[in-house]
Amino acid sequence: MKHSAVIILTLHSFCTFTQAIHEVTTVVACSNINNTVVQTELDGDELLYADFDKDYFVFTLPSFVQIDPSSYSDVTSFNNAKKGRKACPAIVALATAEEKHPPEEKDPPETIIYPAEEVELGVENTLVCFVNHFYPPYIEVTWTKNGVPVKEGVTLGQYYPNDDQTFHQICSLTFTPNKGDVYSCTVEHLALERPLSRTWEPEFSERSPGPDIFCAVGLVYAFFGIAIGTFLFVKAYHLRQLRII
């Protein structure tokens, strides 16, 4: 039976932007079954991660967050990330040697699928497959539309550690909703006996004609009331004239 080992090293620091205090966390995840991950989080959200294949940091925060990339993209910072990666094999070997027969720990993932925005017919949207509470930190996610595999528009994010030593990860699909379409997100993981699938069908809220009908009926009654009122006014006027004569 194959055992897995994952070591997570975290470094916490605090910084101040204007009058607010923010927590910056650097995470180095070492594993004997997966690549080393070095990432920095800002208040629990991923700020950047090291892409060792391309030798630079990849920023993942939204564009409206004002962070100067040059403060993280210098050679020294990336070399420190490389040092953390280089130390991982020795750390994993040491942790494994501490227990010659470590128990195989596996936590199966939980998944949920939902649209990022309100669904409108024919309007491009993003479908999110949120995978949570899995260990070890490696999953495979696939999408299908009406039973046919989909690869275009698929984005798989980095996995993030939870407080309970498990991980979570997001996989998204850009799509245009239409009536009758059925989407599915399938997750494969070591702790699952079979792939875990979730399906989603777009639901469109059609505009109810009720308000328009009520408005039209109200206008009819209003005009009817005006007509009756005018008739009664004219009739009263003529009666008053006859009495005067």
Foldseek 3Di string as FASTA:
>chain_A
DDAKDKDKDKDWDWDDDPHDIKIKMWIWIAIPVDAIKTFIAINNHTQWTADPVVQFIDGDDDPVDDDDCVVQTDPVNSVVVVVSRVCRVVVRVVVCVVPVDDDHDWDAKDWDKDWPDQADAQDKTKIKIKIDFTPPPDKDKWKDKPNHTDDPQKDWDHWDADPVRGIMTMIMGIDHAHAPIKMKMWMDDPVDPDIDMDMDHDDDDDDDCVVVVVVVVVVVVVVVVVVVVVVVVVVVVVVVVVVVD
